[in-house]
Protein backbone atom coordinates (compact mmCIF):
# COMPACT_ATOMS: atom_id res chain seq x y z
CA MET A 1 21.05 -23.97 1.81
CA SER A 2 22.42 -26.46 -0.64
CA GLY A 3 23.50 -25.72 -4.16
CA LYS A 4 24.53 -22.41 -5.64
CA PRO A 5 22.92 -19.56 -3.68
CA LYS A 6 21.00 -16.88 -5.48
CA ILE A 7 22.67 -13.52 -5.71
CA THR A 8 20.94 -11.01 -3.51
CA ARG A 9 20.38 -7.53 -4.88
CA SER A 10 19.25 -4.30 -3.34
CA ARG A 11 16.09 -2.64 -4.54
CA LYS A 12 18.06 0.21 -6.00
CA ASN A 13 18.33 0.73 -9.74
CA THR A 14 22.58 0.56 -10.69
CA ASP A 15 -9.76 11.62 -11.09
CA CYS A 16 -12.11 10.78 -9.74
CA SER A 17 -15.69 12.29 -10.19
CA THR A 18 -18.03 12.65 -7.23
CA SER A 19 -20.92 11.27 -9.27
CA ARG A 20 -21.94 7.64 -8.85
CA ARG A 21 -22.05 5.27 -11.81
CA CYS A 22 -24.76 2.76 -12.54
CA PHE A 23 -24.65 -0.99 -12.89
CA VAL A 24 -25.54 -2.71 -16.15
CA PHE A 25 -28.51 -5.05 -16.17
CA ARG A 26 -27.20 -8.40 -17.39
CA SER A 27 -29.67 -11.18 -16.67
CA LYS A 28 -32.49 -12.28 -14.43
CA ARG A 29 -33.33 -15.74 -13.15
CA GLY A 30 -36.18 -16.41 -10.74
CA GLY A 31 -36.15 -13.73 -8.09
CA GLU A 32 -32.55 -12.73 -8.76
CA THR A 33 -30.79 -10.26 -11.03
CA THR A 34 -27.14 -10.29 -12.09
CA LEU A 35 -25.52 -6.86 -12.18
CA THR A 36 -22.10 -5.89 -13.47
CA CYS A 37 -20.32 -2.81 -12.17
CA ARG A 38 -19.21 -0.59 -15.05
CA VAL A 39 -16.25 0.66 -13.09
CA CYS A 40 -14.54 -2.57 -12.01
CA THR A 41 -16.65 -5.18 -13.92
CA GLN A 42 -17.35 -7.15 -10.73
CA GLU A 43 -20.56 -9.20 -11.04
CA PHE A 44 -23.15 -9.47 -8.25
CA VAL A 45 -26.35 -11.45 -7.86
CA VAL A 46 -29.03 -9.43 -6.04
CA PRO A 47 -32.79 -9.80 -5.46
CA SER A 48 -34.69 -8.69 -8.55
CA ASN A 49 -36.50 -5.97 -6.61
CA THR A 50 -33.21 -4.34 -5.52
CA THR A 51 -33.25 -0.65 -6.41
CA ILE A 52 -29.82 0.31 -5.15
CA TYR A 53 -26.61 -1.58 -4.61
CA ARG A 54 -23.08 -0.59 -3.69
CA CYS A 55 -20.23 -2.47 -5.35
CA ASN A 56 -18.15 -4.23 -2.69
CA ASN A 57 -15.09 -3.97 -4.89
CA CYS A 58 -14.89 -0.31 -5.95
CA ARG A 59 -17.76 1.08 -3.82
CA ASP A 60 -19.53 2.80 -6.71
CA VAL A 61 -23.29 2.81 -6.17
CA THR A 62 -26.14 1.79 -8.45
CA MET A 63 -28.10 4.87 -9.44
CA GLU A 64 -30.15 3.12 -12.08
CA VAL A 65 -31.46 -0.43 -12.43
CA LEU A 66 -33.87 -1.61 -15.10
CA ASN A 67 -37.07 -3.06 -13.70
CA THR A 68 -39.23 -5.67 -15.41
CA ASN A 69 -40.92 -2.97 -17.54
CA GLY A 70 -37.63 -1.57 -18.77
CA LEU A 71 -38.12 1.64 -16.80
CA SER A 72 -35.27 3.38 -14.99
CA LEU A 73 -35.23 3.79 -11.24
CA ARG A 74 -33.33 6.95 -10.31
CA LYS A 75 -32.54 9.39 -7.51
CA LEU A 76 -32.40 6.78 -4.79
CA LEU A 77 -29.08 7.67 -3.19
CA SER A 78 -30.69 9.64 -0.37
CA SER A 79 -33.25 6.96 0.46
CA SER A 80 -33.13 4.70 3.50
CA THR A 81 -32.19 1.82 1.22
CA ALA A 82 -28.83 3.46 0.55
CA SER A 83 -27.95 3.91 4.19
CA SER A 84 -29.03 0.38 5.12
CA SER A 85 -26.23 -1.20 3.08
CA PRO A 86 -22.96 0.37 4.23
CA PRO A 87 -19.89 -0.48 2.16
CA SER A 88 -16.90 -2.35 3.45
CA ASN A 89 -14.67 0.10 5.29
CA LYS A 90 -11.43 -1.58 4.25
CA ARG A 91 -9.59 -1.24 0.95
CA ALA A 92 -6.06 -2.01 -0.18
CA VAL A 93 -3.81 -1.49 -3.20
CA LEU A 94 -0.88 -3.90 -3.39
CA CYS A 95 1.82 -3.35 -6.04
CA GLY A 96 4.69 -5.69 -6.83
CA VAL A 97 6.97 -4.80 -9.74
CA THR A 98 9.53 -7.25 -11.16
CA TYR A 99 10.58 -5.09 -14.15
CA GLY A 100 10.44 -8.01 -16.57
CA LYS A 101 13.69 -9.09 -18.15
CA ARG A 102 15.65 -5.93 -17.48
CA LYS A 103 19.02 -6.11 -15.79
CA PHE A 104 17.58 -4.55 -12.64
CA LYS A 105 14.85 -7.21 -12.38
CA LEU A 106 13.54 -8.09 -8.90
CA GLU A 107 12.45 -11.63 -8.13
CA GLY A 108 10.81 -11.27 -4.73
CA THR A 109 8.17 -8.62 -5.28
CA VAL A 110 5.29 -10.92 -6.28
CA ASN A 111 6.03 -13.12 -3.28
CA ASP A 112 5.92 -9.98 -1.15
CA VAL A 113 2.51 -8.97 -2.49
CA ASN A 114 1.12 -12.45 -1.92
CA ASN A 115 2.50 -12.41 1.62
CA ILE A 116 0.83 -9.08 2.43
CA LYS A 117 -2.43 -10.12 0.75
CA ARG A 118 -2.64 -13.25 2.91
CA LEU A 119 -1.90 -11.13 5.97
CA LEU A 120 -4.74 -8.71 5.17
CA LEU A 121 -7.15 -11.59 4.62
CA ASP A 122 -6.12 -13.75 7.58
CA LYS A 123 -5.28 -11.23 10.29
CA PHE A 124 -7.19 -8.06 9.44
CA GLN A 125 -10.35 -9.41 7.72
CA PHE A 126 -10.06 -7.41 4.51
CA PRO A 127 -12.71 -8.54 1.99
CA ILE A 128 -10.89 -10.13 -0.92
CA GLN A 129 -12.93 -8.08 -3.40
CA CYS A 130 -11.62 -4.90 -1.74
CA ILE A 131 -7.97 -5.75 -2.39
CA ARG A 132 -6.59 -4.55 -5.73
CA VAL A 133 -3.38 -6.33 -6.74
CA LEU A 134 -1.08 -4.93 -9.43
CA THR A 135 1.63 -7.26 -10.70
CA GLU A 136 2.68 -8.16 -14.23
CA GLU A 137 -0.67 -9.76 -15.08
CA LYS A 138 -2.33 -10.41 -18.42
CA ASP A 139 -5.12 -7.97 -17.51
CA PRO A 140 -3.83 -4.61 -18.83
CA SER A 141 -5.58 -2.73 -16.01
CA LEU A 142 -3.65 -4.68 -13.37
CA ILE A 143 -0.13 -4.17 -14.72
CA PRO A 144 1.81 -1.82 -12.39
CA THR A 145 2.37 0.92 -14.95
CA LYS A 146 2.56 4.51 -13.81
CA ARG A 147 -0.97 5.21 -15.05
CA ASN A 148 -2.47 2.12 -13.43
CA ILE A 149 -0.77 2.77 -10.09
CA GLU A 150 -1.96 6.37 -10.07
CA GLU A 151 -5.52 5.34 -10.96
CA SER A 152 -5.46 2.70 -8.24
CA LEU A 153 -4.28 5.20 -5.65
CA LYS A 154 -7.16 7.49 -6.59
CA TRP A 155 -9.54 4.53 -6.27
CA LEU A 156 -8.11 3.76 -2.84
CA VAL A 157 -9.12 7.10 -1.34
CA ARG A 158 -12.20 7.79 -3.48
CA ASP A 159 -15.17 8.83 -1.32
CA CYS A 160 -13.31 7.85 1.85
CA GLN A 161 -15.27 8.46 5.03
CA SER A 162 -14.91 8.16 8.77
CA GLY A 163 -14.11 4.61 9.86
CA ASP A 164 -12.33 3.62 6.64
CA SER A 165 -9.04 1.74 6.85
CA LEU A 166 -6.90 2.02 3.71
CA VAL A 167 -3.65 0.25 2.85
CA PHE A 168 -1.09 1.00 0.14
CA TYR A 169 1.71 -1.53 -0.25
CA PHE A 170 4.55 -1.23 -2.75
CA SER A 171 7.39 -3.66 -3.40
CA GLY A 172 9.86 -2.61 -6.07
CA HIS A 173 12.61 -0.15 -6.84
CA GLY A 174 12.81 3.23 -5.15
CA LEU A 175 15.07 6.06 -6.23
CA GLN A 176 15.94 9.65 -5.44
CA GLN A 177 15.96 12.48 -7.95
CA PRO A 178 16.70 16.21 -7.76
CA GLU A 179 13.75 18.20 -6.50
CA PHE A 180 12.49 20.66 -9.08
CA ASP A 181 9.27 22.10 -7.65
CA ARG A 182 8.27 22.72 -4.02
CA GLY A 183 11.64 23.10 -2.36
CA ASP A 184 10.50 21.22 0.75
CA GLU A 185 13.40 18.76 0.96
CA ILE A 186 16.45 19.68 3.01
CA ASP A 187 18.67 17.41 0.94
CA GLY A 188 17.21 18.71 -2.34
CA LEU A 189 16.07 15.22 -3.35
CA ASP A 190 12.62 13.78 -3.96
CA GLU A 191 12.02 10.16 -3.02
CA THR A 192 10.24 8.14 -5.71
CA ILE A 193 8.76 4.74 -6.47
CA CYS A 194 9.43 3.14 -9.85
CA PRO A 195 6.49 1.75 -11.86
CA LEU A 196 7.10 -0.93 -14.47
CA ASP A 197 7.38 1.71 -17.21
CA PHE A 198 9.33 4.34 -15.25
CA ILE A 199 12.09 4.55 -17.88
CA THR A 200 9.64 5.90 -20.47
CA GLU A 201 6.85 7.37 -18.31
CA GLY A 202 8.81 8.54 -15.29
CA MET A 203 8.73 7.81 -11.59
CA ILE A 204 6.03 8.71 -9.06
CA THR A 205 7.45 11.24 -6.59
CA ASP A 206 6.79 11.68 -2.89
CA ASN A 207 4.99 14.96 -3.62
CA GLU A 208 2.65 13.21 -6.06
CA ILE A 209 1.93 10.36 -3.66
CA ASN A 210 1.20 12.87 -0.90
CA SER A 211 -1.25 14.70 -3.16
CA MET A 212 -3.01 11.51 -4.23
CA ILE A 213 -3.46 9.57 -1.00
CA VAL A 214 -2.52 11.77 1.97
CA GLN A 215 -4.26 15.08 1.32
CA PRO A 216 -7.71 13.53 0.53
CA LEU A 217 -7.94 11.66 3.87
CA GLN A 218 -11.09 12.83 5.65
CA ASN A 219 -11.64 12.97 9.40
CA GLY A 220 -11.76 9.47 10.85
CA VAL A 221 -9.99 7.82 7.90
CA ARG A 222 -6.77 5.92 8.54
CA LEU A 223 -4.20 5.14 5.83
CA HIS A 224 -1.24 2.81 6.22
CA ALA A 225 1.48 2.76 3.58
CA ILE A 226 4.02 -0.08 3.70
CA LEU A 227 6.94 0.50 1.36
CA ASP A 228 9.60 -2.12 0.70
CA THR A 229 11.87 -0.02 -1.50
CA CYS A 230 15.19 1.77 -1.32
CA HIS A 231 15.21 5.40 -0.10
CA SER A 232 11.64 5.00 1.20
CA GLY A 233 11.89 6.87 4.51
CA THR A 234 9.90 9.97 3.53
CA THR A 235 8.11 8.73 0.42
CA LEU A 236 4.77 10.03 1.73
CA ASP A 237 6.22 13.37 2.90
CA LEU A 238 4.65 12.99 6.34
CA MET A 239 5.33 15.50 9.07
CA TYR A 240 6.86 13.30 11.78
CA ALA A 241 9.26 10.37 11.96
CA TYR A 242 9.79 8.07 14.96
CA LYS A 243 13.55 7.68 15.30
CA ARG A 244 16.13 6.34 17.70
CA GLU A 245 18.64 8.92 18.89
CA LYS A 246 21.35 8.00 21.41
CA GLY A 247 19.54 4.85 22.45
CA SER A 248 16.08 6.38 22.93
CA TRP A 249 13.13 6.55 20.57
CA LYS A 250 11.15 9.74 19.97
CA TRP A 251 9.08 11.62 17.41
CA GLU A 252 11.03 14.14 15.37
CA GLY A 253 10.05 16.60 12.68
CA ASN A 254 10.76 15.03 9.32
CA LYS A 255 13.49 16.31 7.04
CA LEU A 256 11.40 19.03 5.42
CA SER A 257 12.87 22.48 4.99
CA LYS A 258 9.54 24.23 5.55
CA ALA A 259 6.23 23.39 7.17
CA ILE A 260 4.00 21.37 4.90
CA THR A 261 0.42 22.55 5.18
CA ASP A 262 -1.03 20.17 2.62
CA GLN A 263 -1.26 17.21 4.95
CA THR A 264 -4.50 15.27 5.42
CA SER A 265 -8.05 16.65 5.41
CA GLY A 266 -8.50 15.47 8.98
CA GLY A 267 -7.52 11.81 8.69
CA VAL A 268 -4.31 10.06 9.71
CA ALA A 269 -1.57 8.74 7.43
CA ILE A 270 1.04 6.32 8.77
CA CYS A 271 3.95 4.92 6.80
CA LEU A 272 6.24 1.98 7.55
CA SER A 273 9.28 2.20 5.30
CA ALA A 274 11.92 -0.45 4.71
CA CYS A 275 14.74 2.01 5.29
CA GLU A 276 15.69 5.63 5.67
CA ASP A 277 16.09 7.97 2.70
CA SER A 278 19.83 7.47 2.48
CA GLN A 279 19.64 3.67 2.69
CA VAL A 280 18.80 0.75 0.42
CA ALA A 281 16.46 -2.21 0.96
CA ALA A 282 17.42 -5.78 0.13
CA ASP A 283 15.84 -8.81 -1.53
CA THR A 284 16.98 -12.26 -0.43
CA ALA A 285 16.31 -15.99 -0.77
CA GLY A 286 17.71 -16.47 2.73
CA PHE A 287 14.33 -16.76 4.47
CA ASP A 288 12.49 -19.10 2.14
CA ARG A 289 13.80 -21.94 -0.01
CA ASN A 290 10.88 -21.40 -2.38
CA GLY A 291 11.91 -17.97 -3.59
CA MET A 292 13.04 -14.43 -2.96
CA ASN A 293 11.51 -12.03 -0.46
CA GLY A 294 11.99 -8.45 0.59
CA ILE A 295 13.67 -8.49 3.99
CA MET A 296 11.37 -5.91 5.54
CA THR A 297 8.18 -7.49 4.15
CA TYR A 298 9.12 -10.96 5.34
CA LEU A 299 10.05 -9.81 8.84
CA PHE A 300 7.01 -7.52 9.10
CA SER A 301 4.62 -10.35 8.19
CA LYS A 302 6.37 -12.78 10.53
CA ILE A 303 6.19 -10.40 13.50
CA ILE A 304 2.52 -9.51 12.92
CA ARG A 305 1.55 -13.18 12.69
CA GLU A 306 3.42 -14.01 15.89
CA HIS A 307 2.09 -11.05 17.90
CA SER A 308 -1.63 -10.39 17.44
CA GLN A 309 -1.77 -7.35 19.77
CA ILE A 310 1.57 -5.69 19.07
CA THR A 311 2.01 -1.94 19.44
CA TYR A 312 3.58 0.26 16.79
CA GLY A 313 6.58 0.85 19.00
CA CYS A 314 7.12 -2.84 19.68
CA LEU A 315 6.73 -3.66 15.98
CA LEU A 316 9.39 -1.15 14.99
CA GLN A 317 11.67 -2.31 17.80
CA LYS A 318 11.36 -5.95 16.73
CA LEU A 319 12.08 -5.09 13.09
CA HIS A 320 15.29 -3.38 14.16
CA GLU A 321 16.17 -6.26 16.49
CA GLU A 322 15.61 -8.90 13.81
CA ILE A 323 17.83 -7.08 11.33
CA GLY A 324 20.40 -6.46 14.06
CA ASN A 325 20.44 -10.15 14.94
CA ILE A 326 21.11 -11.03 11.32
CA ARG A 327 24.05 -8.64 11.26
CA GLN A 328 25.60 -10.04 14.43
CA SER A 329 24.74 -13.73 14.44
CA LYS A 330 27.53 -16.14 13.56
CA PHE A 331 24.97 -18.81 12.75
CA SER A 332 22.61 -16.92 10.47
CA ASN A 333 21.95 -17.94 6.90
CA GLY A 334 24.95 -17.36 4.65
CA ILE A 335 23.00 -15.31 2.14
CA LEU A 336 21.70 -12.98 4.84
CA LYS A 337 25.16 -12.53 6.28
CA ARG A 338 26.55 -11.60 2.87
CA ILE A 339 23.93 -8.87 2.54
CA PHE A 340 25.03 -7.08 5.67
CA ASN A 341 28.72 -7.90 5.26
CA ARG A 342 28.46 -5.75 2.12
CA LYS A 343 27.68 -2.85 4.46
CA ILE A 344 24.06 -2.58 3.40
CA GLU A 345 22.37 -0.45 6.04
CA GLN A 346 18.64 -1.02 6.38
CA ASP A 347 16.81 0.60 9.30
CA PRO A 348 12.99 0.49 9.00
CA LEU A 349 11.32 3.83 9.69
CA LEU A 350 7.90 4.79 11.05
CA SER A 351 6.45 8.16 9.99
CA SER A 352 3.06 9.77 10.52
CA SER A 353 1.00 12.85 9.75
CA LYS A 354 0.32 13.14 13.50
CA LYS A 355 2.20 12.14 16.62
CA PHE A 356 0.69 9.34 18.69
CA ASP A 357 1.72 7.12 21.60
CA VAL A 358 3.48 4.22 19.89
CA SER A 359 3.95 2.38 23.20
CA THR A 360 0.22 1.92 23.79
CA THR A 361 -1.37 2.11 20.33
CA ILE A 362 -2.01 -1.36 18.88
CA PHE A 363 -1.00 -1.85 15.27
CA LYS A 364 -4.04 -2.66 13.18
CA LEU A 365 -5.05 -2.31 9.56
């Protein structure tokens, strides 16, 4: 690269009710009616005789629509009309936190989110209205504050059912803090993610994330978490980690001092972390002249786009190989070499609530 290179920094800092809500009648033209979801404000145009409609964005269902006489139509959830319009079975929450003008600002996180969003749309056919993006937007509900992230995680798993595929992606700072409650960590440290307002509102711990998006997973539901943060190895507190020991890969019990019984409610949670708990994850401009990227996110997206039917094991292997090649190559980008010459260790980690055959199971979201 020409000119003065950008300094690369590590990503380490030196309720939902079961009731369904109704749509609001907005307007009617010809044989069509415009409805607005009260939960997410998404607008839909439906036939004027529609008596029930499920929001494609947040999946809340119309329980009440005004007909031409102003009368309410109720108690239709158990009708055949409800079952004839199944919701999309894919949802995603993507968070990218830059931390504004603070000294620990990150420049690549929005690029990371955009990269993952394009991947979900192009490769895995996620409906765009089912992807919730939290970056530093003007819309107060889409700023990655602690409250907004927690509400979005609850939305992600709300009313999940067999066949659903859910994705949580986070690009930002990750930290460790002393564990004060459950005593399930061998090292006595909780892994955390840092919302935009973590200095005043606090971090979101691994225990809290587990409670919000792992425990509610019903039978047949699959969750993938992709975390491009420091210390992210066990951020979901999943039971098993797929590690390389003495040249061979195998499933091992995760670093929990006692058995965790509050895993899923029958579903499967899988996490791909940028690094192990003791390591840091890096941001760099070395891949793209147009801006910064998280190393793991960039490589993950690149590998998935190049290999449409890749297994979990092969994906993890290639991530390690790509990072290893950067460490060893004499011809690699100068910025990338400086990252690893500073002894930054970054080994992506795969963890899961259940063991599975990574050599034959195709990675899909």
